[in-house]
């Protein structure tokens, strides 16, 4: 119901401690990449 034209190309989460996320994602079978990093951030890429 909202303006169209963009689509989600990728979503990436980076964090020094990704374990809580990977545990929950695995449990609910949510396919979102999580990477160990010295920073905490989410990267959203749209086309």
ModelCIF file with pLDDT and N, C-alpha, C, O atoms, coordinates in Angstrom:
data_MODEL
#
_entry.id   MODEL 
#
_entity.id                         1 
_entity.type                       polymer 
_entity.pdbx_number_of_molecules   1 
#
_entity_poly.entity_id                      1 
_entity_poly.type                           'polypeptide(L)' 
_entity_poly.nstd_linkage                   no 
_entity_poly.nstd_monomer                   no 
_entity_poly.pdbx_seq_one_letter_code       
;(UNK)(UNK)(UNK)(UNK)(UNK)(UNK)(UNK)(UNK)(UNK)(UNK)(UNK)(UNK)(UNK)(UNK)(UNK)(UNK)
(UNK)(UNK)(UNK)(UNK)(UNK)(UNK)(UNK)(UNK)(UNK)(UNK)(UNK)(UNK)(UNK)(UNK)(UNK)(UNK)
(UNK)(UNK)(UNK)(UNK)(UNK)(UNK)(UNK)(UNK)(UNK)(UNK)(UNK)(UNK)(UNK)(UNK)(UNK)
;
_entity_poly.pdbx_seq_one_letter_code_can   XXXXXXXXXXXXXXXXXXXXXXXXXXXXXXXXXXXXXXXXXXXXXXX 
_entity_poly.pdbx_strand_id                 A 
#
loop_
_entity_poly_seq.entity_id 
_entity_poly_seq.num 
_entity_poly_seq.mon_id 
_entity_poly_seq.hetero 
1 1  UNK n 
1 2  UNK n 
1 3  UNK n 
1 4  UNK n 
1 5  UNK n 
1 6  UNK n 
1 7  UNK n 
1 8  UNK n 
1 9  UNK n 
1 10 UNK n 
1 11 UNK n 
1 12 UNK n 
1 13 UNK n 
1 14 UNK n 
1 15 UNK n 
1 16 UNK n 
1 17 UNK n 
1 18 UNK n 
1 19 UNK n 
1 20 UNK n 
1 21 UNK n 
1 22 UNK n 
1 23 UNK n 
1 24 UNK n 
1 25 UNK n 
1 26 UNK n 
1 27 UNK n 
1 28 UNK n 
1 29 UNK n 
1 30 UNK n 
1 31 UNK n 
1 32 UNK n 
1 33 UNK n 
1 34 UNK n 
1 35 UNK n 
1 36 UNK n 
1 37 UNK n 
1 38 UNK n 
1 39 UNK n 
1 40 UNK n 
1 41 UNK n 
1 42 UNK n 
1 43 UNK n 
1 44 UNK n 
1 45 UNK n 
1 46 UNK n 
1 47 UNK n 
#
_struct_asym.id          A 
_struct_asym.entity_id   1 
#
loop_
_ma_qa_metric.id 
_ma_qa_metric.mode 
_ma_qa_metric.name 
_ma_qa_metric.software_group_id 
_ma_qa_metric.type 
1 global pLDDT . pLDDT 
2 local  pLDDT . pLDDT 
#
_ma_qa_metric_global.metric_id      1 
_ma_qa_metric_global.metric_value   96.77 
_ma_qa_metric_global.model_id       1 
_ma_qa_metric_global.ordinal_id     1 
#
loop_
_ma_qa_metric_local.label_asym_id 
_ma_qa_metric_local.label_comp_id 
_ma_qa_metric_local.label_seq_id 
_ma_qa_metric_local.metric_id 
_ma_qa_metric_local.metric_value 
_ma_qa_metric_local.model_id 
_ma_qa_metric_local.ordinal_id 
A UNK 1  2 94.00 1 1  
A UNK 2  2 97.00 1 2  
A UNK 3  2 98.00 1 3  
A UNK 4  2 98.00 1 4  
A UNK 5  2 98.00 1 5  
A UNK 6  2 98.00 1 6  
A UNK 7  2 97.00 1 7  
A UNK 8  2 98.00 1 8  
A UNK 9  2 97.00 1 9  
A UNK 10 2 97.00 1 10 
A UNK 11 2 98.00 1 11 
A UNK 12 2 98.00 1 12 
A UNK 13 2 98.00 1 13 
A UNK 14 2 98.00 1 14 
A UNK 15 2 98.00 1 15 
A UNK 16 2 98.00 1 16 
A UNK 17 2 97.00 1 17 
A UNK 18 2 97.00 1 18 
A UNK 19 2 97.00 1 19 
A UNK 20 2 97.00 1 20 
A UNK 21 2 97.00 1 21 
A UNK 22 2 97.00 1 22 
A UNK 23 2 96.00 1 23 
A UNK 24 2 96.00 1 24 
A UNK 25 2 96.00 1 25 
A UNK 26 2 95.00 1 26 
A UNK 27 2 95.00 1 27 
A UNK 28 2 94.00 1 28 
A UNK 29 2 93.00 1 29 
A UNK 30 2 95.00 1 30 
A UNK 31 2 92.00 1 31 
A UNK 32 2 96.00 1 32 
A UNK 33 2 96.00 1 33 
A UNK 34 2 97.00 1 34 
A UNK 35 2 97.00 1 35 
A UNK 36 2 98.00 1 36 
A UNK 37 2 97.00 1 37 
A UNK 38 2 96.00 1 38 
A UNK 39 2 95.00 1 39 
A UNK 40 2 97.00 1 40 
A UNK 41 2 97.00 1 41 
A UNK 42 2 98.00 1 42 
A UNK 43 2 98.00 1 43 
A UNK 44 2 98.00 1 44 
A UNK 45 2 98.00 1 45 
A UNK 46 2 98.00 1 46 
A UNK 47 2 98.00 1 47 
#
loop_
_atom_site.group_PDB 
_atom_site.id 
_atom_site.type_symbol 
_atom_site.label_atom_id 
_atom_site.label_alt_id 
_atom_site.label_comp_id 
_atom_site.label_asym_id 
_atom_site.label_entity_id 
_atom_site.label_seq_id 
_atom_site.pdbx_PDB_ins_code 
_atom_site.Cartn_x 
_atom_site.Cartn_y 
_atom_site.Cartn_z 
_atom_site.occupancy 
_atom_site.B_iso_or_equiv 
_atom_site.pdbx_formal_charge 
_atom_site.auth_seq_id 
_atom_site.auth_comp_id 
_atom_site.auth_asym_id 
_atom_site.auth_atom_id 
_atom_site.pdbx_PDB_model_num 
ATOM 1   N N  . UNK A 1 1  ? 0.808  -1.229  0.000  1.00 94.00 ? 1  UNK A N  1 
ATOM 2   C CA . UNK A 1 1  ? 0.000  0.000   0.000  1.00 94.00 ? 1  UNK A CA 1 
ATOM 3   C C  . UNK A 1 1  ? 0.837  1.272   0.000  1.00 94.00 ? 1  UNK A C  1 
ATOM 4   O O  . UNK A 1 1  ? 0.281  2.365   0.110  1.00 94.00 ? 1  UNK A O  1 
ATOM 5   N N  . UNK A 1 2  ? 2.144  1.162   -0.119 1.00 97.00 ? 2  UNK A N  1 
ATOM 6   C CA . UNK A 1 2  ? 3.026  2.331   -0.066 1.00 97.00 ? 2  UNK A CA 1 
ATOM 7   C C  . UNK A 1 2  ? 3.831  2.440   -1.363 1.00 97.00 ? 2  UNK A C  1 
ATOM 8   O O  . UNK A 1 2  ? 3.897  1.477   -2.127 1.00 97.00 ? 2  UNK A O  1 
ATOM 9   N N  . UNK A 1 3  ? 4.443  3.599   -1.622 1.00 98.00 ? 3  UNK A N  1 
ATOM 10  C CA . UNK A 1 3  ? 5.135  3.818   -2.895 1.00 98.00 ? 3  UNK A CA 1 
ATOM 11  C C  . UNK A 1 3  ? 6.199  2.760   -3.185 1.00 98.00 ? 3  UNK A C  1 
ATOM 12  O O  . UNK A 1 3  ? 7.004  2.413   -2.321 1.00 98.00 ? 3  UNK A O  1 
ATOM 13  N N  . UNK A 1 4  ? 6.183  2.263   -4.407 1.00 98.00 ? 4  UNK A N  1 
ATOM 14  C CA . UNK A 1 4  ? 7.081  1.187   -4.815 1.00 98.00 ? 4  UNK A CA 1 
ATOM 15  C C  . UNK A 1 4  ? 8.221  1.721   -5.667 1.00 98.00 ? 4  UNK A C  1 
ATOM 16  O O  . UNK A 1 4  ? 8.259  2.904   -6.005 1.00 98.00 ? 4  UNK A O  1 
ATOM 17  N N  . UNK A 1 5  ? 9.140  0.842   -6.007 1.00 98.00 ? 5  UNK A N  1 
ATOM 18  C CA . UNK A 1 5  ? 10.252 1.194   -6.872 1.00 98.00 ? 5  UNK A CA 1 
ATOM 19  C C  . UNK A 1 5  ? 11.570 0.679   -6.361 1.00 98.00 ? 5  UNK A C  1 
ATOM 20  O O  . UNK A 1 5  ? 12.469 0.394   -7.152 1.00 98.00 ? 5  UNK A O  1 
ATOM 21  N N  . UNK A 1 6  ? 11.713 0.551   -5.040 1.00 98.00 ? 6  UNK A N  1 
ATOM 22  C CA . UNK A 1 6  ? 12.939 0.012   -4.444 1.00 98.00 ? 6  UNK A CA 1 
ATOM 23  C C  . UNK A 1 6  ? 12.728 -1.457  -4.066 1.00 98.00 ? 6  UNK A C  1 
ATOM 24  O O  . UNK A 1 6  ? 11.605 -1.906  -3.840 1.00 98.00 ? 6  UNK A O  1 
ATOM 25  N N  . UNK A 1 7  ? 13.824 -2.175  -4.005 1.00 97.00 ? 7  UNK A N  1 
ATOM 26  C CA . UNK A 1 7  ? 13.794 -3.540  -3.465 1.00 97.00 ? 7  UNK A CA 1 
ATOM 27  C C  . UNK A 1 7  ? 15.035 -3.746  -2.613 1.00 97.00 ? 7  UNK A C  1 
ATOM 28  O O  . UNK A 1 7  ? 16.064 -3.099  -2.810 1.00 97.00 ? 7  UNK A O  1 
ATOM 29  N N  . UNK A 1 8  ? 14.913 -4.659  -1.665 1.00 98.00 ? 8  UNK A N  1 
ATOM 30  C CA . UNK A 1 8  ? 16.030 -4.954  -0.766 1.00 98.00 ? 8  UNK A CA 1 
ATOM 31  C C  . UNK A 1 8  ? 17.038 -5.841  -1.480 1.00 98.00 ? 8  UNK A C  1 
ATOM 32  O O  . UNK A 1 8  ? 16.729 -6.972  -1.857 1.00 98.00 ? 8  UNK A O  1 
ATOM 33  N N  . UNK A 1 9  ? 18.244 -5.320  -1.662 1.00 97.00 ? 9  UNK A N  1 
ATOM 34  C CA . UNK A 1 9  ? 19.326 -6.091  -2.270 1.00 97.00 ? 9  UNK A CA 1 
ATOM 35  C C  . UNK A 1 9  ? 20.028 -6.942  -1.221 1.00 97.00 ? 9  UNK A C  1 
ATOM 36  O O  . UNK A 1 9  ? 20.298 -8.119  -1.463 1.00 97.00 ? 9  UNK A O  1 
ATOM 37  N N  . UNK A 1 10 ? 20.332 -6.362  -0.049 1.00 97.00 ? 10 UNK A N  1 
ATOM 38  C CA . UNK A 1 10 ? 20.998 -7.137  0.995  1.00 97.00 ? 10 UNK A CA 1 
ATOM 39  C C  . UNK A 1 10 ? 20.844 -6.458  2.347  1.00 97.00 ? 10 UNK A C  1 
ATOM 40  O O  . UNK A 1 10 ? 20.618 -5.251  2.443  1.00 97.00 ? 10 UNK A O  1 
ATOM 41  N N  . UNK A 1 11 ? 20.973 -7.269  3.379  1.00 98.00 ? 11 UNK A N  1 
ATOM 42  C CA . UNK A 1 11 ? 20.966 -6.805  4.767  1.00 98.00 ? 11 UNK A CA 1 
ATOM 43  C C  . UNK A 1 11 ? 22.083 -7.547  5.484  1.00 98.00 ? 11 UNK A C  1 
ATOM 44  O O  . UNK A 1 11 ? 22.158 -8.775  5.424  1.00 98.00 ? 11 UNK A O  1 
ATOM 45  N N  . UNK A 1 12 ? 22.950 -6.804  6.162  1.00 98.00 ? 12 UNK A N  1 
ATOM 46  C CA . UNK A 1 12 ? 24.069 -7.405  6.893  1.00 98.00 ? 12 UNK A CA 1 
ATOM 47  C C  . UNK A 1 12 ? 24.163 -6.771  8.266  1.00 98.00 ? 12 UNK A C  1 
ATOM 48  O O  . UNK A 1 12 ? 24.069 -5.552  8.408  1.00 98.00 ? 12 UNK A O  1 
ATOM 49  N N  . UNK A 1 13 ? 24.351 -7.615  9.285  1.00 98.00 ? 13 UNK A N  1 
ATOM 50  C CA . UNK A 1 13 ? 24.554 -7.140  10.650 1.00 98.00 ? 13 UNK A CA 1 
ATOM 51  C C  . UNK A 1 13 ? 25.961 -7.515  11.078 1.00 98.00 ? 13 UNK A C  1 
ATOM 52  O O  . UNK A 1 13 ? 26.384 -8.661  10.926 1.00 98.00 ? 13 UNK A O  1 
ATOM 53  N N  . UNK A 1 14 ? 26.684 -6.537  11.616 1.00 98.00 ? 14 UNK A N  1 
ATOM 54  C CA . UNK A 1 14 ? 28.034 -6.755  12.130 1.00 98.00 ? 14 UNK A CA 1 
ATOM 55  C C  . UNK A 1 14 ? 28.064 -6.395  13.614 1.00 98.00 ? 14 UNK A C  1 
ATOM 56  O O  . UNK A 1 14 ? 27.464 -5.408  14.040 1.00 98.00 ? 14 UNK A O  1 
ATOM 57  N N  . UNK A 1 15 ? 28.779 -7.221  14.397 1.00 98.00 ? 15 UNK A N  1 
ATOM 58  C CA . UNK A 1 15 ? 28.820 -6.967  15.842 1.00 98.00 ? 15 UNK A CA 1 
ATOM 59  C C  . UNK A 1 15 ? 29.959 -7.764  16.463 1.00 98.00 ? 15 UNK A C  1 
ATOM 60  O O  . UNK A 1 15 ? 30.274 -8.855  15.986 1.00 98.00 ? 15 UNK A O  1 
ATOM 61  N N  . UNK A 1 16 ? 30.596 -7.235  17.538 1.00 98.00 ? 16 UNK A N  1 
ATOM 62  C CA . UNK A 1 16 ? 31.651 -7.991  18.222 1.00 98.00 ? 16 UNK A CA 1 
ATOM 63  C C  . UNK A 1 16 ? 31.155 -9.309  18.830 1.00 98.00 ? 16 UNK A C  1 
ATOM 64  O O  . UNK A 1 16 ? 31.930 -10.255 18.971 1.00 98.00 ? 16 UNK A O  1 
ATOM 65  N N  . UNK A 1 17 ? 29.872 -9.373  19.188 1.00 97.00 ? 17 UNK A N  1 
ATOM 66  C CA . UNK A 1 17 ? 29.306 -10.591 19.759 1.00 97.00 ? 17 UNK A CA 1 
ATOM 67  C C  . UNK A 1 17 ? 28.044 -10.979 18.984 1.00 97.00 ? 17 UNK A C  1 
ATOM 68  O O  . UNK A 1 17 ? 26.947 -10.580 19.376 1.00 97.00 ? 17 UNK A O  1 
ATOM 69  N N  . UNK A 1 18 ? 28.167 -11.733 17.913 1.00 97.00 ? 18 UNK A N  1 
ATOM 70  C CA . UNK A 1 18 ? 27.005 -12.090 17.106 1.00 97.00 ? 18 UNK A CA 1 
ATOM 71  C C  . UNK A 1 18 ? 26.222 -13.287 17.636 1.00 97.00 ? 18 UNK A C  1 
ATOM 72  O O  . UNK A 1 18 ? 25.138 -13.584 17.133 1.00 97.00 ? 18 UNK A O  1 
ATOM 73  N N  . UNK A 1 19 ? 26.757 -13.982 18.651 1.00 97.00 ? 19 UNK A N  1 
ATOM 74  C CA . UNK A 1 19 ? 26.170 -15.256 19.082 1.00 97.00 ? 19 UNK A CA 1 
ATOM 75  C C  . UNK A 1 19 ? 24.688 -15.167 19.457 1.00 97.00 ? 19 UNK A C  1 
ATOM 76  O O  . UNK A 1 19 ? 23.919 -16.038 19.048 1.00 97.00 ? 19 UNK A O  1 
ATOM 77  N N  . UNK A 1 20 ? 24.245 -14.139 20.227 1.00 97.00 ? 20 UNK A N  1 
ATOM 78  C CA . UNK A 1 20 ? 22.822 -14.085 20.550 1.00 97.00 ? 20 UNK A CA 1 
ATOM 79  C C  . UNK A 1 20 ? 21.935 -14.027 19.309 1.00 97.00 ? 20 UNK A C  1 
ATOM 80  O O  . UNK A 1 20 ? 20.869 -14.641 19.266 1.00 97.00 ? 20 UNK A O  1 
ATOM 81  N N  . UNK A 1 21 ? 22.386 -13.284 18.304 1.00 97.00 ? 21 UNK A N  1 
ATOM 82  C CA . UNK A 1 21 ? 21.598 -13.188 17.075 1.00 97.00 ? 21 UNK A CA 1 
ATOM 83  C C  . UNK A 1 21 ? 21.577 -14.512 16.323 1.00 97.00 ? 21 UNK A C  1 
ATOM 84  O O  . UNK A 1 21 ? 20.515 -14.974 15.906 1.00 97.00 ? 21 UNK A O  1 
ATOM 85  N N  . UNK A 1 22 ? 22.738 -15.121 16.148 1.00 97.00 ? 22 UNK A N  1 
ATOM 86  C CA . UNK A 1 22 ? 22.782 -16.363 15.387 1.00 97.00 ? 22 UNK A CA 1 
ATOM 87  C C  . UNK A 1 22 ? 21.979 -17.460 16.070 1.00 97.00 ? 22 UNK A C  1 
ATOM 88  O O  . UNK A 1 22 ? 21.397 -18.315 15.402 1.00 97.00 ? 22 UNK A O  1 
ATOM 89  N N  . UNK A 1 23 ? 21.944 -17.440 17.397 1.00 96.00 ? 23 UNK A N  1 
ATOM 90  C CA . UNK A 1 23 ? 21.149 -18.437 18.127 1.00 96.00 ? 23 UNK A CA 1 
ATOM 91  C C  . UNK A 1 23 ? 19.662 -18.249 17.854 1.00 96.00 ? 23 UNK A C  1 
ATOM 92  O O  . UNK A 1 23 ? 18.956 -19.214 17.560 1.00 96.00 ? 23 UNK A O  1 
ATOM 93  N N  . UNK A 1 24 ? 19.187 -17.020 17.949 1.00 96.00 ? 24 UNK A N  1 
ATOM 94  C CA . UNK A 1 24 ? 17.770 -16.762 17.703 1.00 96.00 ? 24 UNK A CA 1 
ATOM 95  C C  . UNK A 1 24 ? 17.421 -17.000 16.233 1.00 96.00 ? 24 UNK A C  1 
ATOM 96  O O  . UNK A 1 24 ? 16.397 -17.612 15.929 1.00 96.00 ? 24 UNK A O  1 
ATOM 97  N N  . UNK A 1 25 ? 18.267 -16.520 15.325 1.00 96.00 ? 25 UNK A N  1 
ATOM 98  C CA . UNK A 1 25 ? 17.991 -16.704 13.900 1.00 96.00 ? 25 UNK A CA 1 
ATOM 99  C C  . UNK A 1 25 ? 17.917 -18.185 13.541 1.00 96.00 ? 25 UNK A C  1 
ATOM 100 O O  . UNK A 1 25 ? 17.042 -18.606 12.784 1.00 96.00 ? 25 UNK A O  1 
ATOM 101 N N  . UNK A 1 26 ? 18.846 -18.972 14.094 1.00 95.00 ? 26 UNK A N  1 
ATOM 102 C CA . UNK A 1 26 ? 18.833 -20.407 13.826 1.00 95.00 ? 26 UNK A CA 1 
ATOM 103 C C  . UNK A 1 26 ? 17.565 -21.057 14.366 1.00 95.00 ? 26 UNK A C  1 
ATOM 104 O O  . UNK A 1 26 ? 16.989 -21.938 13.728 1.00 95.00 ? 26 UNK A O  1 
ATOM 105 N N  . UNK A 1 27 ? 17.135 -20.615 15.549 1.00 95.00 ? 27 UNK A N  1 
ATOM 106 C CA . UNK A 1 27 ? 15.953 -21.197 16.168 1.00 95.00 ? 27 UNK A CA 1 
ATOM 107 C C  . UNK A 1 27 ? 14.697 -20.963 15.347 1.00 95.00 ? 27 UNK A C  1 
ATOM 108 O O  . UNK A 1 27 ? 13.874 -21.865 15.191 1.00 95.00 ? 27 UNK A O  1 
ATOM 109 N N  . UNK A 1 28 ? 14.547 -19.745 14.819 1.00 94.00 ? 28 UNK A N  1 
ATOM 110 C CA . UNK A 1 28 ? 13.332 -19.420 14.060 1.00 94.00 ? 28 UNK A CA 1 
ATOM 111 C C  . UNK A 1 28 ? 13.543 -19.566 12.552 1.00 94.00 ? 28 UNK A C  1 
ATOM 112 O O  . UNK A 1 28 ? 12.637 -19.292 11.764 1.00 94.00 ? 28 UNK A O  1 
ATOM 113 N N  . UNK A 1 29 ? 14.741 -19.998 12.155 1.00 93.00 ? 29 UNK A N  1 
ATOM 114 C CA . UNK A 1 29 ? 15.089 -20.212 10.740 1.00 93.00 ? 29 UNK A CA 1 
ATOM 115 C C  . UNK A 1 29 ? 14.944 -18.918 9.928  1.00 93.00 ? 29 UNK A C  1 
ATOM 116 O O  . UNK A 1 29 ? 14.355 -18.902 8.847  1.00 93.00 ? 29 UNK A O  1 
ATOM 117 N N  . UNK A 1 30 ? 15.496 -17.848 10.479 1.00 95.00 ? 30 UNK A N  1 
ATOM 118 C CA . UNK A 1 30 ? 15.516 -16.549 9.809  1.00 95.00 ? 30 UNK A CA 1 
ATOM 119 C C  . UNK A 1 30 ? 16.865 -16.391 9.101  1.00 95.00 ? 30 UNK A C  1 
ATOM 120 O O  . UNK A 1 30 ? 17.919 -16.456 9.735  1.00 95.00 ? 30 UNK A O  1 
ATOM 121 N N  . UNK A 1 31 ? 16.820 -16.184 7.795  1.00 92.00 ? 31 UNK A N  1 
ATOM 122 C CA . UNK A 1 31 ? 18.051 -16.160 6.995  1.00 92.00 ? 31 UNK A CA 1 
ATOM 123 C C  . UNK A 1 31 ? 18.533 -14.726 6.807  1.00 92.00 ? 31 UNK A C  1 
ATOM 124 O O  . UNK A 1 31 ? 18.238 -14.084 5.799  1.00 92.00 ? 31 UNK A O  1 
ATOM 125 N N  . UNK A 1 32 ? 19.277 -14.238 7.793  1.00 96.00 ? 32 UNK A N  1 
ATOM 126 C CA . UNK A 1 32 ? 19.897 -12.920 7.729  1.00 96.00 ? 32 UNK A CA 1 
ATOM 127 C C  . UNK A 1 32 ? 21.360 -13.082 8.116  1.00 96.00 ? 32 UNK A C  1 
ATOM 128 O O  . UNK A 1 32 ? 21.649 -13.616 9.187  1.00 96.00 ? 32 UNK A O  1 
ATOM 129 N N  . UNK A 1 33 ? 22.293 -12.635 7.275  1.00 96.00 ? 33 UNK A N  1 
ATOM 130 C CA . UNK A 1 33 ? 23.722 -12.816 7.595  1.00 96.00 ? 33 UNK A CA 1 
ATOM 131 C C  . UNK A 1 33 ? 24.177 -11.939 8.750  1.00 96.00 ? 33 UNK A C  1 
ATOM 132 O O  . UNK A 1 33 ? 23.804 -10.770 8.847  1.00 96.00 ? 33 UNK A O  1 
ATOM 133 N N  . UNK A 1 34 ? 24.988 -12.523 9.624  1.00 97.00 ? 34 UNK A N  1 
ATOM 134 C CA . UNK A 1 34 ? 25.575 -11.831 10.768 1.00 97.00 ? 34 UNK A CA 1 
ATOM 135 C C  . UNK A 1 34 ? 27.071 -12.094 10.740 1.00 97.00 ? 34 UNK A C  1 
ATOM 136 O O  . UNK A 1 34 ? 27.502 -13.233 10.558 1.00 97.00 ? 34 UNK A O  1 
ATOM 137 N N  . UNK A 1 35 ? 27.872 -11.032 10.921 1.00 97.00 ? 35 UNK A N  1 
ATOM 138 C CA . UNK A 1 35 ? 29.318 -11.146 10.815 1.00 97.00 ? 35 UNK A CA 1 
ATOM 139 C C  . UNK A 1 35 ? 29.985 -10.611 12.084 1.00 97.00 ? 35 UNK A C  1 
ATOM 140 O O  . UNK A 1 35 ? 29.589 -9.573  12.613 1.00 97.00 ? 35 UNK A O  1 
ATOM 141 N N  . UNK A 1 36 ? 30.994 -11.327 12.560 1.00 98.00 ? 36 UNK A N  1 
ATOM 142 C CA . UNK A 1 36 ? 31.784 -10.839 13.687 1.00 98.00 ? 36 UNK A CA 1 
ATOM 143 C C  . UNK A 1 36 ? 32.641 -9.661  13.233 1.00 98.00 ? 36 UNK A C  1 
ATOM 144 O O  . UNK A 1 36 ? 33.325 -9.733  12.212 1.00 98.00 ? 36 UNK A O  1 
ATOM 145 N N  . UNK A 1 37 ? 32.595 -8.575  14.005 1.00 97.00 ? 37 UNK A N  1 
ATOM 146 C CA . UNK A 1 37 ? 33.317 -7.365  13.624 1.00 97.00 ? 37 UNK A CA 1 
ATOM 147 C C  . UNK A 1 37 ? 33.641 -6.576  14.877 1.00 97.00 ? 37 UNK A C  1 
ATOM 148 O O  . UNK A 1 37 ? 33.043 -6.798  15.930 1.00 97.00 ? 37 UNK A O  1 
ATOM 149 N N  . UNK A 1 38 ? 34.590 -5.653  14.765 1.00 96.00 ? 38 UNK A N  1 
ATOM 150 C CA . UNK A 1 38 ? 34.911 -4.802  15.911 1.00 96.00 ? 38 UNK A CA 1 
ATOM 151 C C  . UNK A 1 38 ? 33.944 -3.630  16.031 1.00 96.00 ? 38 UNK A C  1 
ATOM 152 O O  . UNK A 1 38 ? 34.080 -2.804  16.933 1.00 96.00 ? 38 UNK A O  1 
ATOM 153 N N  . UNK A 1 39 ? 32.965 -3.551  15.123 1.00 95.00 ? 39 UNK A N  1 
ATOM 154 C CA . UNK A 1 39 ? 31.972 -2.483  15.156 1.00 95.00 ? 39 UNK A CA 1 
ATOM 155 C C  . UNK A 1 39 ? 30.570 -3.076  15.234 1.00 95.00 ? 39 UNK A C  1 
ATOM 156 O O  . UNK A 1 39 ? 30.358 -4.242  14.898 1.00 95.00 ? 39 UNK A O  1 
ATOM 157 N N  . UNK A 1 40 ? 29.623 -2.269  15.676 1.00 97.00 ? 40 UNK A N  1 
ATOM 158 C CA . UNK A 1 40 ? 28.227 -2.677  15.704 1.00 97.00 ? 40 UNK A CA 1 
ATOM 159 C C  . UNK A 1 40 ? 27.461 -1.835  14.690 1.00 97.00 ? 40 UNK A C  1 
ATOM 160 O O  . UNK A 1 40 ? 27.323 -0.622  14.847 1.00 97.00 ? 40 UNK A O  1 
ATOM 161 N N  . UNK A 1 41 ? 26.968 -2.496  13.653 1.00 97.00 ? 41 UNK A N  1 
ATOM 162 C CA . UNK A 1 41 ? 26.217 -1.745  12.659 1.00 97.00 ? 41 UNK A CA 1 
ATOM 163 C C  . UNK A 1 41 ? 25.375 -2.673  11.794 1.00 97.00 ? 41 UNK A C  1 
ATOM 164 O O  . UNK A 1 41 ? 25.653 -3.865  11.664 1.00 97.00 ? 41 UNK A O  1 
ATOM 165 N N  . UNK A 1 42 ? 24.344 -2.089  11.214 1.00 98.00 ? 42 UNK A N  1 
ATOM 166 C CA . UNK A 1 42 ? 23.517 -2.746  10.217 1.00 98.00 ? 42 UNK A CA 1 
ATOM 167 C C  . UNK A 1 42 ? 23.744 -2.042  8.887  1.00 98.00 ? 42 UNK A C  1 
ATOM 168 O O  . UNK A 1 42 ? 23.762 -0.813  8.826  1.00 98.00 ? 42 UNK A O  1 
ATOM 169 N N  . UNK A 1 43 ? 23.917 -2.815  7.829  1.00 98.00 ? 43 UNK A N  1 
ATOM 170 C CA . UNK A 1 43 ? 24.092 -2.256  6.496  1.00 98.00 ? 43 UNK A CA 1 
ATOM 171 C C  . UNK A 1 43 ? 22.921 -2.694  5.629  1.00 98.00 ? 43 UNK A C  1 
ATOM 172 O O  . UNK A 1 43 ? 22.677 -3.887  5.448  1.00 98.00 ? 43 UNK A O  1 
ATOM 173 N N  . UNK A 1 44 ? 22.196 -1.707  5.094  1.00 98.00 ? 44 UNK A N  1 
ATOM 174 C CA . UNK A 1 44 ? 21.048 -1.943  4.232  1.00 98.00 ? 44 UNK A CA 1 
ATOM 175 C C  . UNK A 1 44 ? 21.402 -1.488  2.824  1.00 98.00 ? 44 UNK A C  1 
ATOM 176 O O  . UNK A 1 44 ? 21.820 -0.347  2.626  1.00 98.00 ? 44 UNK A O  1 
ATOM 177 N N  . UNK A 1 45 ? 21.240 -2.367  1.851  1.00 98.00 ? 45 UNK A N  1 
ATOM 178 C CA . UNK A 1 45 ? 21.499 -2.020  0.458  1.00 98.00 ? 45 UNK A CA 1 
ATOM 179 C C  . UNK A 1 45 ? 20.209 -2.200  -0.334 1.00 98.00 ? 45 UNK A C  1 
ATOM 180 O O  . UNK A 1 45 ? 19.614 -3.278  -0.338 1.00 98.00 ? 45 UNK A O  1 
ATOM 181 N N  . UNK A 1 46 ? 19.785 -1.127  -1.005 1.00 98.00 ? 46 UNK A N  1 
ATOM 182 C CA . UNK A 1 46 ? 18.563 -1.149  -1.819 1.00 98.00 ? 46 UNK A CA 1 
ATOM 183 C C  . UNK A 1 46 ? 18.917 -0.933  -3.280 1.00 98.00 ? 46 UNK A C  1 
ATOM 184 O O  . UNK A 1 46 ? 19.866 -0.220  -3.605 1.00 98.00 ? 46 UNK A O  1 
ATOM 185 N N  . UNK A 1 47 ? 18.137 -1.561  -4.161 1.00 98.00 ? 47 UNK A N  1 
ATOM 186 C CA . UNK A 1 47 ? 18.173 -1.245  -5.586 1.00 98.00 ? 47 UNK A CA 1 
ATOM 187 C C  . UNK A 1 47 ? 16.951 -0.402  -5.883 1.00 98.00 ? 47 UNK A C  1 
ATOM 188 O O  . UNK A 1 47 ? 16.743 0.002   -7.027 1.00 98.00 ? 47 UNK A O  1 
#
